[in-house]
């Protein structure tokens, strides 16, 4: 199913692999893509089970995204 993923989502996945934990705004700044494109790419990657998110405990309005690891 990796081939069904849009190029923008693959790019976001690659950036997460290289940088580790990142927020949506960090991803937008790093990739040069709009927030809307980042949101869409993250949605696709979450649905595929390739990434997961967690909440920053210091600011619960902010989410961080990381690569999902298989055990």
N, C-alpha and C. Protein backbone atom coordinates (compact mmCIF):
# COMPACT_ATOMS: atom_id res chain seq x y z
N UNK A 1 0.80 -1.20 0.00
CA UNK A 1 0.00 0.00 0.00
C UNK A 1 0.85 1.27 0.00
N UNK A 2 2.15 1.14 0.10
CA UNK A 2 3.02 2.31 0.14
C UNK A 2 2.91 3.12 -1.15
N UNK A 3 2.62 2.46 -2.27
CA UNK A 3 2.53 3.16 -3.54
C UNK A 3 1.26 3.98 -3.67
N UNK A 4 0.24 3.70 -2.84
CA UNK A 4 -1.00 4.45 -2.87
C UNK A 4 -0.90 5.76 -2.10
N UNK A 5 0.24 5.99 -1.48
CA UNK A 5 0.44 7.20 -0.68
C UNK A 5 0.91 8.33 -1.59
N UNK A 6 0.27 9.51 -1.50
CA UNK A 6 0.68 10.64 -2.34
C UNK A 6 2.14 11.06 -2.07
N UNK A 7 2.71 11.74 -3.02
CA UNK A 7 4.10 12.19 -2.92
C UNK A 7 4.29 13.10 -1.70
N UNK A 8 3.33 13.97 -1.45
CA UNK A 8 3.46 14.89 -0.31
C UNK A 8 3.52 14.12 1.01
N UNK A 9 2.72 13.07 1.14
CA UNK A 9 2.72 12.26 2.35
C UNK A 9 4.03 11.49 2.48
N UNK A 10 4.57 11.00 1.37
CA UNK A 10 5.86 10.31 1.41
C UNK A 10 6.98 11.25 1.83
N UNK A 11 6.89 12.49 1.37
CA UNK A 11 7.89 13.49 1.75
C UNK A 11 7.81 13.79 3.24
N UNK A 12 6.61 13.95 3.77
CA UNK A 12 6.42 14.17 5.20
C UNK A 12 6.97 12.99 5.99
N UNK A 13 6.71 11.79 5.54
CA UNK A 13 7.22 10.59 6.20
C UNK A 13 8.75 10.59 6.22
N UNK A 14 9.36 10.95 5.12
CA UNK A 14 10.82 11.01 5.03
C UNK A 14 11.39 12.05 5.99
N UNK A 15 10.74 13.21 6.07
CA UNK A 15 11.20 14.27 6.99
C UNK A 15 11.08 13.79 8.44
N UNK A 16 9.99 13.10 8.77
CA UNK A 16 9.83 12.56 10.12
C UNK A 16 10.90 11.50 10.42
N UNK A 17 11.23 10.69 9.44
CA UNK A 17 12.28 9.68 9.63
C UNK A 17 13.62 10.34 9.94
N UNK A 18 13.90 11.45 9.28
CA UNK A 18 15.18 12.13 9.46
C UNK A 18 15.25 12.95 10.74
N UNK A 19 14.12 13.55 11.14
CA UNK A 19 14.14 14.51 12.25
C UNK A 19 13.50 14.00 13.54
N UNK A 20 12.79 12.90 13.49
CA UNK A 20 12.13 12.40 14.70
C UNK A 20 10.83 13.13 14.98
N UNK A 21 10.57 13.44 16.23
CA UNK A 21 9.31 14.05 16.67
C UNK A 21 9.19 15.49 16.15
N UNK A 22 8.05 15.79 15.50
CA UNK A 22 7.82 17.13 14.96
C UNK A 22 6.35 17.51 15.06
N UNK A 23 6.09 18.80 15.18
CA UNK A 23 4.73 19.32 15.15
C UNK A 23 4.33 19.63 13.71
N UNK A 24 3.04 19.94 13.51
CA UNK A 24 2.59 20.30 12.16
C UNK A 24 3.28 21.55 11.66
N UNK A 25 3.42 22.55 12.52
CA UNK A 25 4.08 23.79 12.09
C UNK A 25 5.56 23.55 11.79
N UNK A 26 6.21 22.68 12.55
CA UNK A 26 7.61 22.32 12.26
C UNK A 26 7.70 21.65 10.90
N UNK A 27 6.78 20.73 10.62
CA UNK A 27 6.78 20.03 9.34
C UNK A 27 6.54 21.01 8.19
N UNK A 28 5.64 21.94 8.39
CA UNK A 28 5.35 22.93 7.36
C UNK A 28 6.58 23.79 7.07
N UNK A 29 7.26 24.21 8.10
CA UNK A 29 8.46 25.03 7.93
C UNK A 29 9.59 24.22 7.27
N UNK A 30 9.74 22.99 7.67
CA UNK A 30 10.83 22.14 7.15
C UNK A 30 10.60 21.76 5.69
N UNK A 31 9.35 21.48 5.32
CA UNK A 31 9.06 21.00 3.96
C UNK A 31 8.71 22.12 2.99
N UNK A 32 8.26 23.26 3.51
CA UNK A 32 7.81 24.34 2.64
C UNK A 32 6.40 24.13 2.13
N UNK A 33 5.70 23.12 2.65
CA UNK A 33 4.32 22.85 2.24
C UNK A 33 3.35 23.60 3.16
N UNK A 34 2.15 23.85 2.65
CA UNK A 34 1.14 24.55 3.44
C UNK A 34 0.65 23.68 4.59
N UNK A 35 0.07 24.34 5.60
CA UNK A 35 -0.49 23.61 6.75
C UNK A 35 -1.58 22.64 6.29
N UNK A 36 -2.36 23.05 5.32
CA UNK A 36 -3.44 22.20 4.82
C UNK A 36 -2.88 20.91 4.19
N UNK A 37 -1.83 21.04 3.40
CA UNK A 37 -1.21 19.88 2.78
C UNK A 37 -0.61 18.97 3.84
N UNK A 38 0.01 19.56 4.85
CA UNK A 38 0.59 18.78 5.95
C UNK A 38 -0.51 18.02 6.69
N UNK A 39 -1.62 18.69 7.00
CA UNK A 39 -2.74 18.02 7.69
C UNK A 39 -3.24 16.83 6.89
N UNK A 40 -3.40 17.01 5.59
CA UNK A 40 -3.88 15.93 4.73
C UNK A 40 -2.88 14.77 4.69
N UNK A 41 -1.61 15.10 4.55
CA UNK A 41 -0.57 14.06 4.52
C UNK A 41 -0.53 13.29 5.84
N UNK A 42 -0.63 13.99 6.96
CA UNK A 42 -0.62 13.33 8.27
C UNK A 42 -1.83 12.43 8.44
N UNK A 43 -2.98 12.87 7.94
CA UNK A 43 -4.19 12.05 8.03
C UNK A 43 -3.99 10.73 7.28
N UNK A 44 -3.45 10.81 6.09
CA UNK A 44 -3.21 9.61 5.28
C UNK A 44 -2.22 8.68 5.97
N UNK A 45 -1.14 9.24 6.49
CA UNK A 45 -0.12 8.44 7.16
C UNK A 45 -0.66 7.78 8.43
N UNK A 46 -1.50 8.49 9.18
CA UNK A 46 -2.12 7.91 10.39
C UNK A 46 -3.05 6.78 10.01
N UNK A 47 -3.86 6.96 8.96
CA UNK A 47 -4.78 5.92 8.52
C UNK A 47 -4.04 4.67 8.05
N UNK A 48 -2.85 4.83 7.50
CA UNK A 48 -2.04 3.70 7.04
C UNK A 48 -1.27 3.06 8.20
N UNK A 49 -1.28 3.70 9.37
CA UNK A 49 -0.57 3.17 10.53
C UNK A 49 0.93 3.41 10.48
N UNK A 50 1.35 4.38 9.69
CA UNK A 50 2.78 4.65 9.54
C UNK A 50 3.31 5.65 10.56
N UNK A 51 2.43 6.46 11.12
CA UNK A 51 2.83 7.43 12.15
C UNK A 51 1.81 7.42 13.28
N UNK A 52 2.19 8.01 14.39
CA UNK A 52 1.24 8.25 15.46
C UNK A 52 1.54 9.61 16.07
N UNK A 53 0.62 10.12 16.85
CA UNK A 53 0.79 11.42 17.46
C UNK A 53 0.63 11.30 18.97
N UNK A 54 1.22 12.27 19.66
CA UNK A 54 1.02 12.38 21.09
C UNK A 54 0.97 13.86 21.45
N UNK A 55 0.39 14.15 22.59
CA UNK A 55 0.16 15.52 23.02
C UNK A 55 1.33 16.00 23.87
N UNK A 56 1.73 17.23 23.65
CA UNK A 56 2.76 17.87 24.47
C UNK A 56 2.14 18.16 25.84
N UNK A 57 2.70 17.62 26.89
CA UNK A 57 2.13 17.79 28.22
C UNK A 57 2.28 19.22 28.75
N UNK A 58 3.22 19.98 28.21
CA UNK A 58 3.36 21.38 28.62
C UNK A 58 2.32 22.28 27.96
N UNK A 59 1.89 21.91 26.77
CA UNK A 59 0.88 22.67 26.03
C UNK A 59 -0.03 21.66 25.34
N UNK A 60 -1.15 21.35 25.97
CA UNK A 60 -2.01 20.27 25.48
C UNK A 60 -2.71 20.59 24.16
N UNK A 61 -2.56 21.80 23.66
CA UNK A 61 -3.12 22.13 22.35
C UNK A 61 -2.22 21.67 21.22
N UNK A 62 -1.00 21.31 21.54
CA UNK A 62 0.00 20.97 20.52
C UNK A 62 0.21 19.46 20.44
N UNK A 63 0.24 18.94 19.20
CA UNK A 63 0.50 17.53 18.95
C UNK A 63 1.84 17.37 18.28
N UNK A 64 2.50 16.26 18.59
CA UNK A 64 3.74 15.89 17.94
C UNK A 64 3.53 14.58 17.19
N UNK A 65 4.16 14.45 16.07
CA UNK A 65 4.02 13.27 15.22
C UNK A 65 5.36 12.55 15.13
N UNK A 66 5.31 11.22 15.18
CA UNK A 66 6.51 10.40 15.07
C UNK A 66 6.20 9.18 14.22
N UNK A 67 7.25 8.55 13.75
CA UNK A 67 7.13 7.32 12.96
C UNK A 67 6.68 6.19 13.88
N UNK A 68 5.74 5.40 13.41
CA UNK A 68 5.29 4.22 14.16
C UNK A 68 6.34 3.13 14.01
N UNK A 69 6.70 2.50 15.11
CA UNK A 69 7.68 1.42 15.07
C UNK A 69 6.97 0.10 15.32
N UNK A 70 7.43 -0.92 14.64
CA UNK A 70 6.86 -2.24 14.81
C UNK A 70 7.67 -3.00 15.85
N UNK A 71 6.98 -3.73 16.71
CA UNK A 71 7.65 -4.50 17.76
C UNK A 71 7.74 -5.95 17.33
